[in-house]
């Protein structure tokens, strides 16, 4: 029975990944974005297979692992593993692009890549400035949203579903060298925006690309934090639609992650556990409970 369950946990994500990749291909054609190289069937089939593979590994496999007790992470998690998925995302984008555009135009592949993935902007410095402001504003907005949501859940009697501890990966990352944490924040901003907003959003729309982005973060095993991730994804998505470029979204994403990795995570892990008030009487107990809810909400924002 365990073998059957394991097979199902792999088969369902594989089918979902294949379906999502086919949907991306069909939506790309319907929106008039089908690359000229895809006139050759083998290229188109290979591109769909590439997308299905990255969807399986990075998006839908965590869905199949719901309910499975996660293995503890090693305290000395090696640095290459932290960047493995990002490397696969870059490889999938580049391979998809080469299959679609290599040998189809006199323009250089670099210029075609920048144009097709939204890396061009009339005023790059303006995009960088807007991205930084959006990243800071996004962090403030999301933390307010998470606190308000946590308080609403508490008032509705759902305190038990609020997270009490951060994802296991967070303390591991907090112990990394500052240079590694900076690299994680910067590469996440570039790579994830390139894949979800540069490649997917123009071809499948905001709703579907956001859903895939949220599912890709399901592996942190804290459903409550998906509220904040959804809000962030929508912020980045509408920023891309407004600016017609992913540059501002890249900066906003990187800014958010760097604030978390360099400032918030160290502060929360070192001091936040001591902020929850404690007391004995009924009124004090209520204050303590409300304080615990706020602590839980802030802990959710670790990632």
Protein backbone atom coordinates (compact mmCIF):
# COMPACT_ATOMS: atom_id res chain seq x y z
CA UNK A 1 0.00 0.00 0.00
CA UNK A 2 2.86 2.36 0.76
CA UNK A 3 4.28 1.73 -2.72
CA UNK A 4 0.94 2.62 -4.32
CA UNK A 5 0.71 5.81 -2.25
CA UNK A 6 4.23 6.82 -3.23
CA UNK A 7 3.41 6.20 -6.89
CA UNK A 8 0.27 8.33 -6.65
CA UNK A 9 2.20 11.13 -4.92
CA UNK A 10 4.52 11.22 -7.93
CA UNK A 11 1.97 10.52 -10.65
CA UNK A 12 -0.47 13.29 -9.69
CA UNK A 13 2.19 16.07 -9.72
CA UNK A 14 3.54 14.68 -13.01
CA UNK A 15 0.09 14.87 -14.61
CA UNK A 16 -0.49 18.36 -13.23
CA UNK A 17 2.91 19.48 -14.52
CA UNK A 18 2.22 18.07 -17.98
CA UNK A 19 -1.21 19.70 -18.06
CA UNK A 20 0.20 23.06 -16.97
CA UNK A 21 2.95 22.91 -19.61
CA UNK A 22 0.43 22.11 -22.35
CA UNK A 23 -1.79 24.95 -21.12
CA UNK A 24 1.15 27.38 -21.29
CA UNK A 25 1.86 26.24 -24.85
CA UNK A 26 -1.78 26.64 -25.96
CA UNK A 27 -2.18 29.99 -24.19
CA UNK A 28 1.05 31.24 -25.77
CA UNK A 29 -0.33 30.40 -29.21
CA UNK A 30 -3.73 31.91 -28.44
CA UNK A 31 -2.16 35.21 -27.33
CA UNK A 32 0.00 35.41 -30.46
CA UNK A 33 3.29 34.84 -28.66
CA UNK A 34 4.21 31.47 -30.17
CA UNK A 35 7.92 31.58 -31.05
CA UNK A 36 8.72 31.12 -34.75
CA UNK A 37 10.94 28.15 -33.99
CA UNK A 38 7.91 26.22 -32.76
CA UNK A 39 6.80 25.78 -36.36
CA UNK A 40 9.10 22.77 -36.19
CA UNK A 41 7.14 20.23 -34.12
CA UNK A 42 10.17 18.73 -32.40
CA UNK A 43 11.13 22.13 -30.98
CA UNK A 44 7.64 22.75 -29.67
CA UNK A 45 7.38 19.31 -28.09
CA UNK A 46 10.83 19.72 -26.49
CA UNK A 47 9.84 23.12 -25.08
CA UNK A 48 6.65 21.67 -23.57
CA UNK A 49 8.71 18.84 -22.05
CA UNK A 50 11.15 21.36 -20.54
CA UNK A 51 8.33 23.32 -18.93
CA UNK A 52 6.65 20.15 -17.69
CA UNK A 53 9.91 19.05 -16.04
CA UNK A 54 10.45 22.33 -14.18
CA UNK A 55 6.78 22.49 -13.19
CA UNK A 56 7.08 18.97 -11.77
CA UNK A 57 10.23 19.66 -9.74
CA UNK A 58 9.61 23.24 -8.67
CA UNK A 59 5.83 23.68 -8.54
CA UNK A 60 3.72 20.53 -8.28
CA UNK A 61 5.96 18.06 -6.44
CA UNK A 62 5.29 19.85 -3.11
CA UNK A 63 1.56 19.26 -3.74
CA UNK A 64 2.20 15.52 -3.82
CA UNK A 65 4.16 15.74 -0.58
CA UNK A 66 1.30 17.24 1.43
CA UNK A 67 0.84 15.16 4.58
CA UNK A 68 4.29 13.60 4.36
CA UNK A 69 6.54 14.33 7.32
CA UNK A 70 9.49 16.32 6.04
CA UNK A 71 13.00 15.07 6.68
CA UNK A 72 15.03 17.34 8.99
CA UNK A 73 17.39 19.67 7.21
CA UNK A 74 21.13 19.38 7.92
CA UNK A 75 22.50 22.26 9.96
CA UNK A 76 25.36 22.63 7.48
CA UNK A 77 23.20 22.78 4.36
CA UNK A 78 25.66 23.15 1.49
CA UNK A 79 25.41 26.34 -0.54
CA UNK A 80 24.93 24.76 -4.01
CA UNK A 81 21.71 23.08 -2.86
CA UNK A 82 20.27 26.47 -1.94
CA UNK A 83 20.64 27.62 -5.55
CA UNK A 84 19.74 24.36 -7.30
CA UNK A 85 16.12 25.21 -8.09
CA UNK A 86 17.05 28.70 -9.23
CA UNK A 87 19.62 27.19 -11.57
CA UNK A 88 16.99 24.84 -12.98
CA UNK A 89 14.59 27.75 -13.51
CA UNK A 90 17.22 29.70 -15.45
CA UNK A 91 18.08 26.61 -17.49
CA UNK A 92 14.43 26.03 -18.37
CA UNK A 93 13.89 29.67 -19.46
CA UNK A 94 17.05 29.72 -21.59
CA UNK A 95 16.32 26.33 -23.16
CA UNK A 96 12.71 27.29 -23.95
CA UNK A 97 13.91 30.52 -25.53
CA UNK A 98 16.65 28.88 -27.61
CA UNK A 99 14.22 26.26 -28.88
CA UNK A 100 11.81 29.00 -29.88
CA UNK A 101 14.09 31.63 -31.35
CA UNK A 102 17.54 30.28 -32.27
CA UNK A 103 18.13 30.57 -36.01
CA UNK A 104 14.85 32.38 -36.70
CA UNK A 105 16.01 35.99 -36.93
CA UNK A 106 18.97 38.14 -37.90
CA UNK A 107 18.75 39.92 -34.53
CA UNK A 108 21.12 38.74 -31.82
CA UNK A 109 19.74 36.20 -29.38
CA UNK A 110 20.66 38.48 -26.47
CA UNK A 111 18.46 41.32 -27.80
CA UNK A 112 15.62 38.90 -28.57
CA UNK A 113 15.91 37.42 -25.09
CA UNK A 114 15.73 40.85 -23.43
CA UNK A 115 12.73 41.81 -25.56
CA UNK A 116 10.77 38.58 -25.13
CA UNK A 117 11.36 38.29 -21.37
CA UNK A 118 10.65 41.93 -20.48
CA UNK A 119 14.19 42.92 -19.55
CA UNK A 120 14.15 46.13 -21.58
CA UNK A 121 12.98 49.54 -20.36
CA UNK A 122 13.20 53.07 -21.70
CA UNK A 123 14.48 54.42 -18.39
CA UNK A 124 16.20 51.61 -16.45
CA UNK A 125 17.16 53.87 -13.53
CA UNK A 126 13.52 54.86 -13.08
CA UNK A 127 12.55 51.19 -12.96
CA UNK A 128 15.21 50.52 -10.32
CA UNK A 129 13.94 53.36 -8.16
CA UNK A 130 10.31 52.32 -8.51
CA UNK A 131 11.26 48.74 -7.74
CA UNK A 132 13.01 49.71 -4.52
CA UNK A 133 10.05 51.80 -3.36
CA UNK A 134 7.64 48.99 -4.28
CA UNK A 135 9.76 46.47 -2.37
CA UNK A 136 9.73 48.54 0.82
CA UNK A 137 6.04 49.46 0.47
CA UNK A 138 5.23 45.83 -0.33
CA UNK A 139 6.95 44.64 2.82
CA UNK A 140 5.00 47.10 4.98
CA UNK A 141 1.71 46.24 3.25
CA UNK A 142 2.20 42.49 3.52
CA UNK A 143 3.22 42.58 7.19
CA UNK A 144 0.09 44.65 7.91
CA UNK A 145 -2.03 42.18 5.95
CA UNK A 146 -0.59 39.20 7.82
CA UNK A 147 -1.12 40.81 11.22
CA UNK A 148 -4.70 41.76 10.33
CA UNK A 149 -5.38 38.25 9.03
CA UNK A 150 -3.89 36.64 12.14
CA UNK A 151 -5.99 38.85 14.42
CA UNK A 152 -9.14 38.06 12.41
CA UNK A 153 -8.45 34.33 12.68
CA UNK A 154 -7.87 34.70 16.41
CA UNK A 155 -11.13 36.60 16.90
CA UNK A 156 -12.97 33.89 14.96
CA UNK A 157 -11.58 31.23 17.28
CA UNK A 158 -9.01 29.76 14.93
CA UNK A 159 -5.92 30.45 17.02
CA UNK A 160 -4.77 26.81 16.74
CA UNK A 161 -4.18 27.11 12.98
CA UNK A 162 -1.73 30.00 13.36
CA UNK A 163 1.92 28.95 13.01
CA UNK A 164 3.94 28.85 16.20
CA UNK A 165 7.35 28.21 14.67
CA UNK A 166 9.10 29.42 11.50
CA UNK A 167 9.79 27.01 8.62
CA UNK A 168 12.78 24.78 9.35
CA UNK A 169 14.77 26.32 6.53
CA UNK A 170 14.69 29.80 8.11
CA UNK A 171 17.10 29.23 11.04
CA UNK A 172 19.45 27.42 8.66
CA UNK A 173 19.52 30.38 6.28
CA UNK A 174 19.89 32.80 9.20
CA UNK A 175 23.15 31.08 10.09
CA UNK A 176 24.65 31.50 6.63
CA UNK A 177 27.34 34.03 5.83
CA UNK A 178 25.99 37.45 4.96
CA UNK A 179 27.37 37.18 1.42
CA UNK A 180 25.41 33.98 0.82
CA UNK A 181 22.21 35.57 2.15
CA UNK A 182 22.70 38.55 -0.17
CA UNK A 183 23.23 36.18 -3.09
CA UNK A 184 20.03 34.29 -2.19
CA UNK A 185 17.99 37.51 -2.12
CA UNK A 186 19.40 38.87 -5.37
CA UNK A 187 19.17 35.64 -7.35
CA UNK A 188 15.64 34.94 -6.12
CA UNK A 189 14.54 38.36 -7.33
CA UNK A 190 16.11 37.93 -10.76
CA UNK A 191 15.37 34.27 -11.43
CA UNK A 192 11.82 34.02 -10.08
CA UNK A 193 10.71 37.20 -11.81
CA UNK A 194 12.34 36.09 -15.05
CA UNK A 195 10.43 32.79 -14.96
CA UNK A 196 7.05 33.69 -13.45
CA UNK A 197 6.62 37.27 -14.66
CA UNK A 198 8.94 37.40 -17.68
CA UNK A 199 8.18 34.05 -19.31
CA UNK A 200 4.80 32.98 -17.92
CA UNK A 201 2.73 36.09 -17.17
CA UNK A 202 2.52 37.55 -20.70
CA UNK A 203 1.64 34.12 -22.06
CA UNK A 204 -0.83 32.77 -19.49
CA UNK A 205 -1.99 35.84 -17.57
CA UNK A 206 -1.68 37.05 -14.00
CA UNK A 207 -4.04 34.54 -12.35
CA UNK A 208 -2.34 31.39 -13.63
CA UNK A 209 1.24 32.64 -13.20
CA UNK A 210 0.42 33.76 -9.65
CA UNK A 211 -1.12 30.38 -8.83
CA UNK A 212 2.06 28.65 -10.00
CA UNK A 213 4.21 31.08 -8.01
CA UNK A 214 2.24 30.37 -4.84
CA UNK A 215 2.34 26.59 -5.36
CA UNK A 216 6.11 26.81 -5.81
CA UNK A 217 6.31 28.07 -2.20
CA UNK A 218 4.11 25.32 -0.80
CA UNK A 219 7.16 23.34 0.28
CA UNK A 220 7.67 25.67 3.28
CA UNK A 221 4.83 23.68 4.88
CA UNK A 222 3.03 26.70 6.34
CA UNK A 223 -0.23 27.31 4.43
CA UNK A 224 -0.92 30.52 6.37
CA UNK A 225 2.11 32.23 4.85
CA UNK A 226 0.70 31.63 1.36
CA UNK A 227 -1.59 34.64 1.99
CA UNK A 228 1.43 36.93 2.08
CA UNK A 229 3.07 35.18 -0.87
CA UNK A 230 -0.09 35.63 -2.95
CA UNK A 231 -0.22 39.33 -2.07
CA UNK A 232 3.43 39.77 -3.04
CA UNK A 233 2.97 37.89 -6.30
CA UNK A 234 0.05 40.11 -7.26
CA UNK A 235 2.08 43.21 -6.38
CA UNK A 236 4.92 42.09 -8.66
CA UNK A 237 2.47 41.04 -11.39
CA UNK A 238 0.66 44.38 -11.57
CA UNK A 239 3.98 46.20 -11.37
CA UNK A 240 5.06 44.31 -14.50
CA UNK A 241 1.76 45.07 -16.24
CA UNK A 242 2.08 48.76 -15.38
CA UNK A 243 5.73 49.15 -16.36
CA UNK A 244 5.74 46.67 -19.29
CA UNK A 245 9.06 45.42 -18.01
CA UNK A 246 10.18 43.07 -15.24
CA UNK A 247 13.05 45.29 -14.06
CA UNK A 248 11.03 47.06 -11.34
CA UNK A 249 9.57 43.73 -10.18
CA UNK A 250 13.05 42.21 -9.97
CA UNK A 251 14.25 45.05 -7.74
CA UNK A 252 11.07 44.96 -5.63
CA UNK A 253 11.36 41.19 -5.15
CA UNK A 254 15.06 41.37 -4.29
CA UNK A 255 14.46 44.29 -1.92
CA UNK A 256 11.75 42.37 -0.07
CA UNK A 257 13.93 39.26 0.25
CA UNK A 258 16.99 41.20 1.37
CA UNK A 259 14.99 43.02 4.06
CA UNK A 260 13.85 39.61 5.29
CA UNK A 261 17.22 37.87 5.10
CA UNK A 262 19.42 40.65 6.47
CA UNK A 263 17.14 42.44 8.95
CA UNK A 264 13.91 40.68 9.85
CA UNK A 265 15.06 37.07 10.19
CA UNK A 266 17.95 37.87 12.57
CA UNK A 267 15.72 40.21 14.63
CA UNK A 268 12.84 37.74 14.90
CA UNK A 269 14.96 34.72 15.73
CA UNK A 270 16.94 36.57 18.39
CA UNK A 271 14.29 38.77 20.05
CA UNK A 272 10.75 37.98 19.01
CA UNK A 273 10.31 34.86 21.20
CA UNK A 274 10.78 37.15 24.22
CA UNK A 275 8.18 39.70 23.12
CA UNK A 276 5.05 37.67 23.91
CA UNK A 277 3.71 38.87 27.25
CA UNK A 278 2.89 36.45 30.00
CA UNK A 279 0.49 36.81 32.90
CA UNK A 280 -1.92 35.14 35.24
CA UNK A 281 -5.28 36.97 35.47
CA UNK A 282 -8.13 36.85 32.96
CA UNK A 283 -7.52 40.28 31.48
CA UNK A 284 -3.79 39.74 31.35
CA UNK A 285 -4.37 36.35 29.72
CA UNK A 286 -6.32 38.07 26.96
CA UNK A 287 -3.47 40.51 26.39
CA UNK A 288 -1.01 37.63 26.39
CA UNK A 289 -3.09 35.75 23.85
CA UNK A 290 -3.31 38.78 21.58
CA UNK A 291 0.43 39.27 21.91
CA UNK A 292 1.01 35.64 20.98
CA UNK A 293 -1.13 36.11 17.89
CA UNK A 294 0.95 39.10 16.83
CA UNK A 295 4.12 37.09 17.44
CA UNK A 296 2.75 34.28 15.28
CA UNK A 297 1.86 36.71 12.50
CA UNK A 298 5.33 38.22 12.52
CA UNK A 299 6.93 34.78 12.55
CA UNK A 300 5.01 33.93 9.40
CA UNK A 301 6.78 36.77 7.64
CA UNK A 302 10.22 35.22 8.17
CA UNK A 303 10.26 34.08 4.59
